[in-house]
Protein backbone atom coordinates (compact mmCIF):
# COMPACT_ATOMS: atom_id res chain seq x y z
CA UNK A 1 -48.16 -164.98 122.62
CA UNK A 2 -49.41 -166.30 119.37
CA UNK A 3 -47.27 -166.60 116.32
CA UNK A 4 -48.84 -165.75 113.06
CA UNK A 5 -47.51 -166.57 109.49
CA UNK A 6 -47.62 -163.73 107.02
CA UNK A 7 -49.71 -164.77 103.99
CA UNK A 8 -48.47 -163.73 100.53
CA UNK A 9 -50.05 -163.85 97.13
CA UNK A 10 -47.91 -165.00 94.27
CA UNK A 11 -48.21 -164.04 90.66
CA UNK A 12 -50.68 -166.67 90.00
CA UNK A 13 -53.06 -165.36 92.73
CA UNK A 14 -52.64 -168.36 94.89
CA UNK A 15 -51.96 -167.83 98.53
CA UNK A 16 -48.88 -168.97 100.25
CA UNK A 17 -46.91 -168.63 103.54
CA UNK A 18 -43.75 -166.69 103.85
CA UNK A 19 -42.13 -169.13 106.14
CA UNK A 20 -39.10 -166.91 106.73
CA UNK A 21 -41.28 -164.13 108.12
CA UNK A 22 -42.84 -164.94 111.41
CA UNK A 23 -44.61 -161.90 113.26
CA UNK A 24 -45.90 -162.14 116.81
CA UNK A 25 -49.35 -160.95 117.41
CA UNK A 26 -51.58 -160.60 120.51
CA UNK A 27 -55.20 -161.08 121.08
CA UNK A 28 -55.80 -157.44 121.93
CA UNK A 29 -59.41 -156.21 121.48
CA UNK A 30 -58.21 -152.97 120.14
CA UNK A 31 -58.92 -152.94 116.34
CA UNK A 32 -55.82 -152.03 114.32
CA UNK A 33 -56.00 -148.85 112.38
CA UNK A 34 -56.04 -149.41 108.58
CA UNK A 35 -57.44 -148.01 105.36
CA UNK A 36 -60.12 -150.73 105.44
CA UNK A 37 -61.59 -149.50 108.61
CA UNK A 38 -64.05 -147.23 106.77
CA UNK A 39 -66.31 -150.41 106.27
CA UNK A 40 -67.49 -149.89 109.85
CA UNK A 41 -69.51 -146.88 108.64
CA UNK A 42 -71.83 -149.36 106.94
CA UNK A 43 -73.07 -150.74 110.14
CA UNK A 44 -76.69 -149.74 111.14
CA UNK A 45 -77.20 -147.99 114.37
CA UNK A 46 -79.72 -150.32 116.14
CA UNK A 47 -79.54 -148.88 119.63
CA UNK A 48 -82.75 -149.31 121.53
CA UNK A 49 -84.70 -146.14 122.54
CA UNK A 50 -84.01 -145.23 126.00
CA UNK A 51 -86.78 -145.61 128.80
CA UNK A 52 -88.33 -148.50 127.11
CA UNK A 53 -88.67 -152.08 127.97
CA UNK A 54 -86.78 -154.22 125.49
CA UNK A 55 -88.64 -157.44 124.73
CA UNK A 56 -86.75 -160.26 122.85
CA UNK A 57 -89.22 -162.92 121.60
CA UNK A 58 -88.05 -166.34 120.29
CA UNK A 59 -90.10 -168.71 118.29
CA UNK A 60 -89.21 -172.23 117.28
CA UNK A 61 -88.49 -172.50 113.68
CA UNK A 62 -90.52 -175.30 111.81
CA UNK A 63 -91.29 -176.73 115.30
CA UNK A 64 -94.33 -178.56 114.04
CA UNK A 65 -91.97 -180.76 112.03
CA UNK A 66 -89.37 -180.92 114.86
CA UNK A 67 -92.18 -182.06 117.27
CA UNK A 68 -93.46 -184.71 114.92
CA UNK A 69 -89.96 -186.23 114.19
CA UNK A 70 -89.14 -186.23 118.03
CA UNK A 71 -92.53 -187.73 118.73
CA UNK A 72 -93.79 -185.10 121.21
CA UNK A 73 -96.81 -186.09 123.11
CA UNK A 74 -100.06 -184.29 121.84
CA UNK A 75 -101.62 -181.96 122.66
CA UNK A 76 -98.83 -181.13 125.20
CA UNK A 77 -95.53 -182.68 125.90
CA UNK A 78 -94.35 -181.75 129.48
CA UNK A 79 -90.88 -182.75 128.65
CA UNK A 80 -90.55 -180.28 125.83
CA UNK A 81 -92.30 -177.51 127.89
CA UNK A 82 -89.89 -178.33 130.77
CA UNK A 83 -86.97 -178.06 128.47
CA UNK A 84 -88.14 -174.80 126.97
CA UNK A 85 -88.45 -173.33 130.60
CA UNK A 86 -84.95 -174.67 131.60
CA UNK A 87 -83.45 -173.02 128.49
CA UNK A 88 -85.18 -169.77 129.37
CA UNK A 89 -83.89 -170.04 132.91
CA UNK A 90 -80.39 -170.33 131.51
CA UNK A 91 -80.75 -167.12 129.58
CA UNK A 92 -81.97 -165.21 132.66
CA UNK A 93 -79.12 -166.48 134.76
CA UNK A 94 -76.70 -165.35 132.01
CA UNK A 95 -78.46 -161.87 131.44
CA UNK A 96 -79.58 -160.67 134.91
CA UNK A 97 -81.26 -157.56 133.60
CA UNK A 98 -84.17 -159.68 132.32
CA UNK A 99 -86.79 -159.00 134.72
CA UNK A 100 -89.38 -161.44 133.51
CA UNK A 101 -89.72 -164.05 130.87
CA UNK A 102 -92.97 -165.59 129.66
CA UNK A 103 -93.32 -168.84 127.49
CA UNK A 104 -95.83 -171.14 126.08
CA UNK A 105 -95.57 -173.77 123.36
CA UNK A 106 -92.48 -173.13 121.27
CA UNK A 107 -91.99 -169.55 122.17
CA UNK A 108 -90.38 -167.44 124.93
CA UNK A 109 -90.43 -163.62 125.59
CA UNK A 110 -87.72 -162.04 127.53
CA UNK A 111 -88.16 -158.53 129.00
CA UNK A 112 -85.13 -156.43 129.70
CA UNK A 113 -85.36 -153.57 132.25
CA UNK A 114 -85.99 -150.14 130.92
CA UNK A 115 -82.82 -149.05 132.50
CA UNK A 116 -80.66 -151.89 131.10
CA UNK A 117 -77.27 -150.92 129.55
CA UNK A 118 -76.38 -154.47 128.53
CA UNK A 119 -74.59 -154.45 125.11
CA UNK A 120 -75.12 -150.70 125.04
CA UNK A 121 -78.79 -151.50 124.26
CA UNK A 122 -77.93 -152.72 120.72
CA UNK A 123 -80.88 -154.77 119.39
CA UNK A 124 -78.94 -157.17 117.25
CA UNK A 125 -76.52 -157.98 120.33
CA UNK A 126 -79.37 -158.52 122.77
CA UNK A 127 -81.37 -160.74 120.29
CA UNK A 128 -78.42 -162.81 119.16
CA UNK A 129 -77.15 -163.36 122.71
CA UNK A 130 -80.70 -164.54 123.76
CA UNK A 131 -81.18 -166.79 120.80
CA UNK A 132 -77.77 -168.43 120.99
CA UNK A 133 -77.92 -168.95 124.76
CA UNK A 134 -81.37 -170.34 124.50
CA UNK A 135 -80.58 -172.60 121.45
CA UNK A 136 -77.34 -173.98 123.03
CA UNK A 137 -79.21 -174.55 126.27
CA UNK A 138 -81.99 -176.46 124.58
CA UNK A 139 -79.41 -178.89 123.20
CA UNK A 140 -77.29 -179.07 126.28
CA UNK A 141 -80.25 -179.86 128.53
CA UNK A 142 -82.10 -182.25 126.16
CA UNK A 143 -81.08 -185.42 127.95
CA UNK A 144 -82.13 -184.08 131.35
CA UNK A 145 -85.80 -184.10 129.98
CA UNK A 146 -85.70 -186.74 127.11
CA UNK A 147 -83.47 -189.18 128.61
CA UNK A 148 -81.92 -191.55 125.97
CA UNK A 149 -84.26 -190.38 123.27
CA UNK A 150 -81.76 -189.00 120.69
CA UNK A 151 -81.87 -185.49 119.42
CA UNK A 152 -82.06 -186.06 115.65
CA UNK A 153 -80.98 -182.62 114.67
CA UNK A 154 -80.34 -179.18 116.28
CA UNK A 155 -83.46 -176.86 116.68
CA UNK A 156 -83.42 -173.30 115.64
CA UNK A 157 -85.34 -170.23 116.86
CA UNK A 158 -85.99 -166.95 115.29
CA UNK A 159 -86.11 -163.89 117.24
CA UNK A 160 -87.41 -160.26 117.08
CA UNK A 161 -87.03 -157.13 119.35
CA UNK A 162 -89.88 -154.83 120.33
CA UNK A 163 -89.81 -151.81 122.59
CA UNK A 164 -92.62 -150.95 125.01
CA UNK A 165 -92.48 -147.53 126.67
CA UNK A 166 -94.98 -147.96 129.48
CA UNK A 167 -95.94 -150.56 132.16
CA UNK A 168 -99.40 -150.72 130.44
CA UNK A 169 -97.92 -151.51 127.11
CA UNK A 170 -95.63 -154.19 128.56
CA UNK A 171 -98.60 -155.81 130.60
CA UNK A 172 -100.70 -155.73 127.52
CA UNK A 173 -97.98 -157.45 125.47
CA UNK A 174 -97.71 -160.25 128.06
CA UNK A 175 -101.58 -160.54 128.30
CA UNK A 176 -101.68 -160.91 124.61
CA UNK A 177 -99.20 -163.82 124.65
CA UNK A 178 -101.12 -165.54 127.46
CA UNK A 179 -104.44 -165.03 125.84
CA UNK A 180 -102.87 -166.72 122.67
CA UNK A 181 -101.73 -169.47 124.97
CA UNK A 182 -105.33 -170.11 126.16
CA UNK A 183 -106.89 -169.90 122.64
CA UNK A 184 -104.23 -172.37 121.14
CA UNK A 185 -104.40 -174.75 124.02
CA UNK A 186 -108.10 -174.99 124.14
CA UNK A 187 -108.21 -175.67 120.42
CA UNK A 188 -105.46 -178.33 120.69
CA UNK A 189 -107.06 -179.93 123.66
CA UNK A 190 -110.39 -180.39 122.01
CA UNK A 191 -108.75 -181.31 118.60
CA UNK A 192 -106.67 -184.12 119.97
CA UNK A 193 -109.36 -185.34 122.41
CA UNK A 194 -111.61 -185.80 119.30
CA UNK A 195 -108.78 -187.72 117.61
CA UNK A 196 -107.47 -189.74 120.41
CA UNK A 197 -110.81 -190.48 122.32
CA UNK A 198 -113.37 -189.72 119.70
CA UNK A 199 -111.97 -191.82 117.01
CA UNK A 200 -111.97 -188.89 114.38
CA UNK A 201 -109.26 -188.45 111.78
CA UNK A 202 -107.37 -185.10 112.01
CA UNK A 203 -109.20 -183.81 108.89
CA UNK A 204 -112.67 -184.76 110.53
CA UNK A 205 -111.70 -183.06 113.78
CA UNK A 206 -110.62 -179.92 111.88
CA UNK A 207 -113.98 -179.86 110.19
CA UNK A 208 -115.81 -180.40 113.45
CA UNK A 209 -114.11 -177.33 115.03
CA UNK A 210 -114.58 -174.95 112.17
CA UNK A 211 -116.46 -171.91 113.27
CA UNK A 212 -116.66 -173.04 116.86
CA UNK A 213 -116.30 -170.54 119.74
CA UNK A 214 -114.55 -171.11 123.16
CA UNK A 215 -118.00 -172.01 124.67
CA UNK A 216 -118.61 -174.65 121.97
CA UNK A 217 -115.19 -176.17 122.59
CA UNK A 218 -115.71 -176.33 126.34
CA UNK A 219 -119.12 -177.91 125.67
CA UNK A 220 -117.60 -180.65 123.44
CA UNK A 221 -115.04 -181.58 126.12
CA UNK A 222 -117.56 -181.66 128.94
CA UNK A 223 -120.66 -183.04 127.36
CA UNK A 224 -118.81 -185.78 125.10
CA UNK A 225 -115.84 -186.65 127.29
CA UNK A 226 -116.73 -185.49 130.74
CA UNK A 227 -113.63 -183.22 130.74
CA UNK A 228 -113.70 -179.75 132.52
CA UNK A 229 -111.14 -177.61 130.60
CA UNK A 230 -110.68 -175.60 133.93
CA UNK A 231 -109.24 -178.69 135.51
CA UNK A 232 -106.61 -179.14 132.86
CA UNK A 233 -103.03 -178.53 133.82
CA UNK A 234 -102.49 -174.88 134.67
CA UNK A 235 -99.13 -175.15 132.96
CA UNK A 236 -100.83 -175.89 129.64
CA UNK A 237 -103.61 -173.23 130.16
CA UNK A 238 -101.45 -170.29 131.49
CA UNK A 239 -97.99 -170.96 130.21
CA UNK A 240 -94.93 -170.14 132.30
CA UNK A 241 -93.66 -166.89 133.84
CA UNK A 242 -90.08 -166.83 135.05
CA UNK A 243 -89.18 -164.07 137.60
CA UNK A 244 -86.37 -163.36 140.04
CA UNK A 245 -87.11 -164.23 143.51
CA UNK A 246 -84.94 -163.24 146.64
CA UNK A 247 -83.68 -166.43 148.25
CA UNK A 248 -83.09 -166.86 152.03
CA UNK A 249 -80.46 -164.35 153.40
CA UNK A 250 -77.24 -166.07 153.98
CA UNK A 251 -75.15 -164.94 156.99
CA UNK A 252 -71.87 -166.14 158.25
CA UNK A 253 -69.20 -164.96 160.75
CA UNK A 254 -65.71 -164.45 159.47
CA UNK A 255 -62.37 -163.22 161.11
CA UNK A 256 -60.75 -160.21 159.68
CA UNK A 257 -57.03 -160.93 158.60
CA UNK A 258 -55.44 -158.39 161.12
CA UNK A 259 -58.00 -158.79 163.94
CA UNK A 260 -57.72 -162.44 165.03
CA UNK A 261 -59.85 -161.99 168.14
CA UNK A 262 -62.69 -160.24 166.34
CA UNK A 263 -65.34 -161.66 164.06
CA UNK A 264 -67.86 -159.76 161.72
CA UNK A 265 -71.19 -161.12 160.34
CA UNK A 266 -71.40 -160.85 156.52
CA UNK A 267 -74.90 -161.05 155.12
CA UNK A 268 -75.67 -161.76 151.47
CA UNK A 269 -79.03 -162.08 149.77
CA UNK A 270 -79.18 -164.45 147.01
CA UNK A 271 -81.52 -164.54 143.91
CA UNK A 272 -83.03 -167.31 142.05
CA UNK A 273 -85.15 -167.78 139.08
CA UNK A 274 -88.67 -169.07 140.07
CA UNK A 275 -91.45 -170.43 137.78
CA UNK A 276 -95.16 -169.37 137.93
CA UNK A 277 -98.00 -170.89 136.07
CA UNK A 278 -100.63 -168.31 136.83
CA UNK A 279 -102.80 -165.47 135.44
CA UNK A 280 -100.67 -162.47 134.27
CA UNK A 281 -103.48 -160.47 132.79
CA UNK A 282 -105.21 -159.44 136.09
CA UNK A 283 -103.64 -157.31 138.76
CA UNK A 284 -102.94 -159.93 141.44
CA UNK A 285 -99.79 -161.16 139.97
CA UNK A 286 -98.24 -157.80 139.51
CA UNK A 287 -99.37 -156.68 142.98
CA UNK A 288 -97.59 -159.76 144.53
CA UNK A 289 -94.34 -159.00 142.57
CA UNK A 290 -93.98 -155.21 142.42
CA UNK A 291 -90.20 -155.30 141.60
CA UNK A 292 -90.83 -156.57 138.01
CA UNK A 293 -92.13 -153.24 136.78
CA UNK A 294 -90.25 -149.96 136.95
CA UNK A 295 -91.97 -146.58 137.62
CA UNK A 296 -93.43 -144.92 134.55
CA UNK A 297 -92.24 -141.50 135.92
């Protein structure tokens, strides 16, 4: 039981405590009725439409500056990418109605099932929970990936909620994000190769790449630096997809309390979050993991 002091206002408008009046109060979640309760009517109804996938996408805020100040390796820092994936895994383990998450660079998208009822499908609740869990996990697991390198200041991530009614819409969204991963990574790979191996300044490298197409960038890598872009890390080229996988089935024998001579076998299937660095634009990934999508009917 908590004891609360009753705050009083004096004639001067200053607050004080009526020390002679101590009232017990409990931590009940039931909101007390009062004349002020009408303010709840100002809240916006942001319940997400039923039968739609709910996608929460997080993006790092001012992460270019954050990466510079924390001396991320260019064009890709595997420590930072690993930390992003670990933070996303933490979100999925906390919110099990997320069927798939996809991330690249400083962003991650989380897809809630069409049938989810978490937080009564309120967009603000889903987005803030994902953002807070991800951000706190990023700080919590920092040392696991960066060792003794200090975290100079806490990162922040902005979020948005988008609804997709069909499997085709959802797949096209994830395809869009993976295509974005490819475009950005190809550019960054060529850009930093020109700077680090070609001796150009960042301004010169930018001028060199103006107006170039994907084929031009691949040619620069291959002809000038003997680099085949297709042999670059699949993590960097494809990003990371996190999905639930069924772990091995665990069985054990146990005695029932009132049947000392008889044992029964209890079987439990465990799930774990597994990372894939592969193409999600084609059909193969979805055919190999049919449980991700729900029927359109």
